[in-house]
Amino acid sequence: MQQIARELNITLPPLNDDLPLQNTGLDSLGFALLVARLEDELGRDPFTNSDEFMFPYTIGDLVSAYEKVPA
């Protein structure tokens, strides 16, 4: 998140698991970049092919979504 924020010239608030994603300052482009880079880095994407997926509300939810996807 910090790398993308720097590239987009966005100042992030202090990040913690309880911070709502909508309060990070990232816009839709920022989140698209984040998801694409996480998929490249981790080799998985919790936003596809999951019957149980619920869109994450907080940073902690986002981390948990990636942790639940098999590698």
N, C-alpha and C. Protein backbone atom coordinates (compact mmCIF):
# COMPACT_ATOMS: atom_id res chain seq x y z
N MET A 1 0.83 -1.18 0.00
CA MET A 1 0.00 0.00 0.00
C MET A 1 0.88 1.25 0.00
N GLN A 2 1.91 1.21 0.78
CA GLN A 2 2.78 2.39 0.88
C GLN A 2 3.47 2.68 -0.45
N GLN A 3 3.92 1.65 -1.14
CA GLN A 3 4.58 1.85 -2.43
C GLN A 3 3.61 2.46 -3.44
N ILE A 4 2.42 1.94 -3.50
CA ILE A 4 1.42 2.46 -4.43
C ILE A 4 1.05 3.89 -4.07
N ALA A 5 0.89 4.17 -2.79
CA ALA A 5 0.57 5.52 -2.36
C ALA A 5 1.66 6.50 -2.78
N ARG A 6 2.92 6.09 -2.63
CA ARG A 6 4.03 6.96 -3.08
C ARG A 6 3.94 7.22 -4.58
N GLU A 7 3.69 6.17 -5.35
CA GLU A 7 3.62 6.30 -6.80
C GLU A 7 2.47 7.21 -7.24
N LEU A 8 1.37 7.18 -6.49
CA LEU A 8 0.20 7.98 -6.83
C LEU A 8 0.17 9.31 -6.07
N ASN A 9 1.24 9.57 -5.32
CA ASN A 9 1.35 10.80 -4.54
C ASN A 9 0.18 10.97 -3.57
N ILE A 10 -0.11 9.90 -2.84
CA ILE A 10 -1.18 9.88 -1.85
C ILE A 10 -0.54 9.71 -0.47
N THR A 11 -1.03 10.46 0.49
CA THR A 11 -0.56 10.31 1.86
C THR A 11 -1.49 9.35 2.59
N LEU A 12 -0.94 8.25 3.05
CA LEU A 12 -1.73 7.27 3.78
C LEU A 12 -1.82 7.66 5.25
N PRO A 13 -2.94 7.36 5.89
CA PRO A 13 -3.01 7.51 7.33
C PRO A 13 -2.22 6.37 7.98
N PRO A 14 -2.03 6.39 9.29
CA PRO A 14 -1.40 5.24 9.94
C PRO A 14 -2.22 3.97 9.65
N LEU A 15 -1.56 2.93 9.18
CA LEU A 15 -2.25 1.70 8.78
C LEU A 15 -2.34 0.75 9.96
N ASN A 16 -3.52 0.17 10.13
CA ASN A 16 -3.72 -0.88 11.13
C ASN A 16 -4.86 -1.77 10.65
N ASP A 17 -5.00 -2.91 11.26
CA ASP A 17 -5.99 -3.90 10.82
C ASP A 17 -7.42 -3.38 10.85
N ASP A 18 -7.72 -2.43 11.74
CA ASP A 18 -9.10 -1.95 11.89
C ASP A 18 -9.44 -0.78 10.97
N LEU A 19 -8.47 -0.28 10.23
CA LEU A 19 -8.71 0.87 9.36
C LEU A 19 -9.59 0.45 8.17
N PRO A 20 -10.74 1.10 7.99
CA PRO A 20 -11.56 0.79 6.82
C PRO A 20 -10.79 1.11 5.53
N LEU A 21 -10.91 0.26 4.55
CA LEU A 21 -10.20 0.46 3.29
C LEU A 21 -10.57 1.79 2.65
N GLN A 22 -11.80 2.20 2.80
CA GLN A 22 -12.22 3.47 2.20
C GLN A 22 -11.55 4.67 2.85
N ASN A 23 -10.94 4.48 4.02
CA ASN A 23 -10.26 5.58 4.72
C ASN A 23 -8.75 5.58 4.50
N THR A 24 -8.26 4.72 3.62
CA THR A 24 -6.82 4.67 3.37
C THR A 24 -6.36 5.80 2.46
N GLY A 25 -7.27 6.36 1.68
CA GLY A 25 -6.89 7.39 0.73
C GLY A 25 -6.66 6.85 -0.67
N LEU A 26 -6.59 5.52 -0.81
CA LEU A 26 -6.44 4.93 -2.14
C LEU A 26 -7.77 5.00 -2.87
N ASP A 27 -7.72 5.33 -4.15
CA ASP A 27 -8.91 5.33 -4.97
C ASP A 27 -9.03 3.99 -5.69
N SER A 28 -9.96 3.88 -6.62
CA SER A 28 -10.17 2.61 -7.32
C SER A 28 -8.93 2.19 -8.10
N LEU A 29 -8.22 3.14 -8.69
CA LEU A 29 -6.97 2.81 -9.39
C LEU A 29 -5.94 2.27 -8.40
N GLY A 30 -5.83 2.88 -7.26
CA GLY A 30 -4.89 2.42 -6.25
C GLY A 30 -5.19 1.00 -5.79
N PHE A 31 -6.47 0.71 -5.57
CA PHE A 31 -6.83 -0.65 -5.16
C PHE A 31 -6.62 -1.66 -6.29
N ALA A 32 -6.89 -1.25 -7.52
CA ALA A 32 -6.65 -2.15 -8.65
C ALA A 32 -5.16 -2.48 -8.75
N LEU A 33 -4.31 -1.48 -8.57
CA LEU A 33 -2.86 -1.72 -8.58
C LEU A 33 -2.45 -2.64 -7.43
N LEU A 34 -3.02 -2.40 -6.27
CA LEU A 34 -2.70 -3.23 -5.10
C LEU A 34 -3.05 -4.69 -5.35
N VAL A 35 -4.25 -4.94 -5.82
CA VAL A 35 -4.70 -6.32 -6.07
C VAL A 35 -3.84 -6.97 -7.16
N ALA A 36 -3.54 -6.24 -8.22
CA ALA A 36 -2.72 -6.80 -9.30
C ALA A 36 -1.31 -7.14 -8.80
N ARG A 37 -0.73 -6.26 -8.02
CA ARG A 37 0.62 -6.52 -7.51
C ARG A 37 0.65 -7.64 -6.49
N LEU A 38 -0.38 -7.70 -5.65
CA LEU A 38 -0.44 -8.81 -4.69
C LEU A 38 -0.59 -10.14 -5.42
N GLU A 39 -1.38 -10.15 -6.48
CA GLU A 39 -1.53 -11.39 -7.26
C GLU A 39 -0.20 -11.77 -7.91
N ASP A 40 0.52 -10.81 -8.44
CA ASP A 40 1.83 -11.09 -9.03
C ASP A 40 2.80 -11.61 -7.98
N GLU A 41 2.79 -10.99 -6.82
CA GLU A 41 3.73 -11.35 -5.75
C GLU A 41 3.37 -12.66 -5.06
N LEU A 42 2.08 -12.85 -4.78
CA LEU A 42 1.63 -14.01 -4.00
C LEU A 42 1.12 -15.16 -4.86
N GLY A 43 0.80 -14.87 -6.12
CA GLY A 43 0.29 -15.91 -7.00
C GLY A 43 -1.13 -16.33 -6.69
N ARG A 44 -1.88 -15.44 -6.04
CA ARG A 44 -3.28 -15.77 -5.73
C ARG A 44 -4.12 -14.50 -5.68
N ASP A 45 -5.41 -14.69 -5.90
CA ASP A 45 -6.34 -13.57 -5.92
C ASP A 45 -7.64 -14.02 -5.26
N PRO A 46 -7.96 -13.49 -4.09
CA PRO A 46 -9.18 -13.93 -3.40
C PRO A 46 -10.45 -13.40 -4.03
N PHE A 47 -10.33 -12.54 -5.04
CA PHE A 47 -11.50 -11.94 -5.67
C PHE A 47 -12.06 -12.78 -6.80
N THR A 48 -11.41 -13.89 -7.12
CA THR A 48 -11.91 -14.75 -8.20
C THR A 48 -12.09 -16.17 -7.69
N ASN A 49 -13.07 -16.83 -8.26
CA ASN A 49 -13.30 -18.26 -8.00
C ASN A 49 -13.47 -18.61 -6.53
N SER A 50 -14.16 -17.79 -5.79
CA SER A 50 -14.42 -18.11 -4.39
C SER A 50 -15.92 -17.97 -4.13
N ASP A 51 -16.53 -19.07 -3.71
CA ASP A 51 -17.95 -19.05 -3.41
C ASP A 51 -18.25 -18.34 -2.09
N GLU A 52 -17.27 -18.30 -1.19
CA GLU A 52 -17.48 -17.74 0.13
C GLU A 52 -16.94 -16.33 0.28
N PHE A 53 -16.43 -15.74 -0.77
CA PHE A 53 -15.76 -14.45 -0.64
C PHE A 53 -16.74 -13.33 -0.32
N MET A 54 -16.35 -12.50 0.66
CA MET A 54 -17.07 -11.27 0.96
C MET A 54 -16.07 -10.14 0.82
N PHE A 55 -16.48 -9.05 0.19
CA PHE A 55 -15.56 -7.94 -0.03
C PHE A 55 -15.04 -7.43 1.30
N PRO A 56 -13.73 -7.22 1.40
CA PRO A 56 -13.14 -6.77 2.67
C PRO A 56 -13.53 -5.33 2.99
N TYR A 57 -13.77 -5.08 4.27
CA TYR A 57 -14.12 -3.74 4.73
C TYR A 57 -12.90 -3.03 5.32
N THR A 58 -12.06 -3.77 6.02
CA THR A 58 -10.89 -3.19 6.68
C THR A 58 -9.60 -3.78 6.10
N ILE A 59 -8.48 -3.18 6.47
CA ILE A 59 -7.19 -3.73 6.07
C ILE A 59 -7.04 -5.15 6.60
N GLY A 60 -7.46 -5.38 7.82
CA GLY A 60 -7.40 -6.73 8.39
C GLY A 60 -8.22 -7.72 7.60
N ASP A 61 -9.40 -7.31 7.13
CA ASP A 61 -10.24 -8.17 6.28
C ASP A 61 -9.52 -8.52 4.98
N LEU A 62 -8.82 -7.53 4.41
CA LEU A 62 -8.09 -7.76 3.16
C LEU A 62 -6.97 -8.77 3.36
N VAL A 63 -6.21 -8.59 4.43
CA VAL A 63 -5.13 -9.53 4.75
C VAL A 63 -5.70 -10.92 4.96
N SER A 64 -6.79 -11.01 5.71
CA SER A 64 -7.41 -12.30 5.98
C SER A 64 -7.88 -12.98 4.70
N ALA A 65 -8.42 -12.20 3.77
CA ALA A 65 -8.88 -12.76 2.49
C ALA A 65 -7.73 -13.42 1.74
N TYR A 66 -6.57 -12.78 1.74
CA TYR A 66 -5.41 -13.36 1.07
C TYR A 66 -4.87 -14.57 1.82
N GLU A 67 -4.97 -14.56 3.12
CA GLU A 67 -4.48 -15.70 3.90
C GLU A 67 -5.35 -16.94 3.70
N LYS A 68 -6.61 -16.76 3.38
CA LYS A 68 -7.54 -17.88 3.22
C LYS A 68 -7.46 -18.55 1.85
N VAL A 69 -6.84 -17.90 0.89
CA VAL A 69 -6.75 -18.45 -0.47
C VAL A 69 -5.56 -19.41 -0.53
N PRO A 70 -5.81 -20.65 -0.98
CA PRO A 70 -4.68 -21.59 -1.10
C PRO A 70 -3.62 -21.07 -2.06
N ALA A 71 -2.39 -21.34 -1.72
CA ALA A 71 -1.27 -20.88 -2.58
C ALA A 71 -1.19 -21.71 -3.84
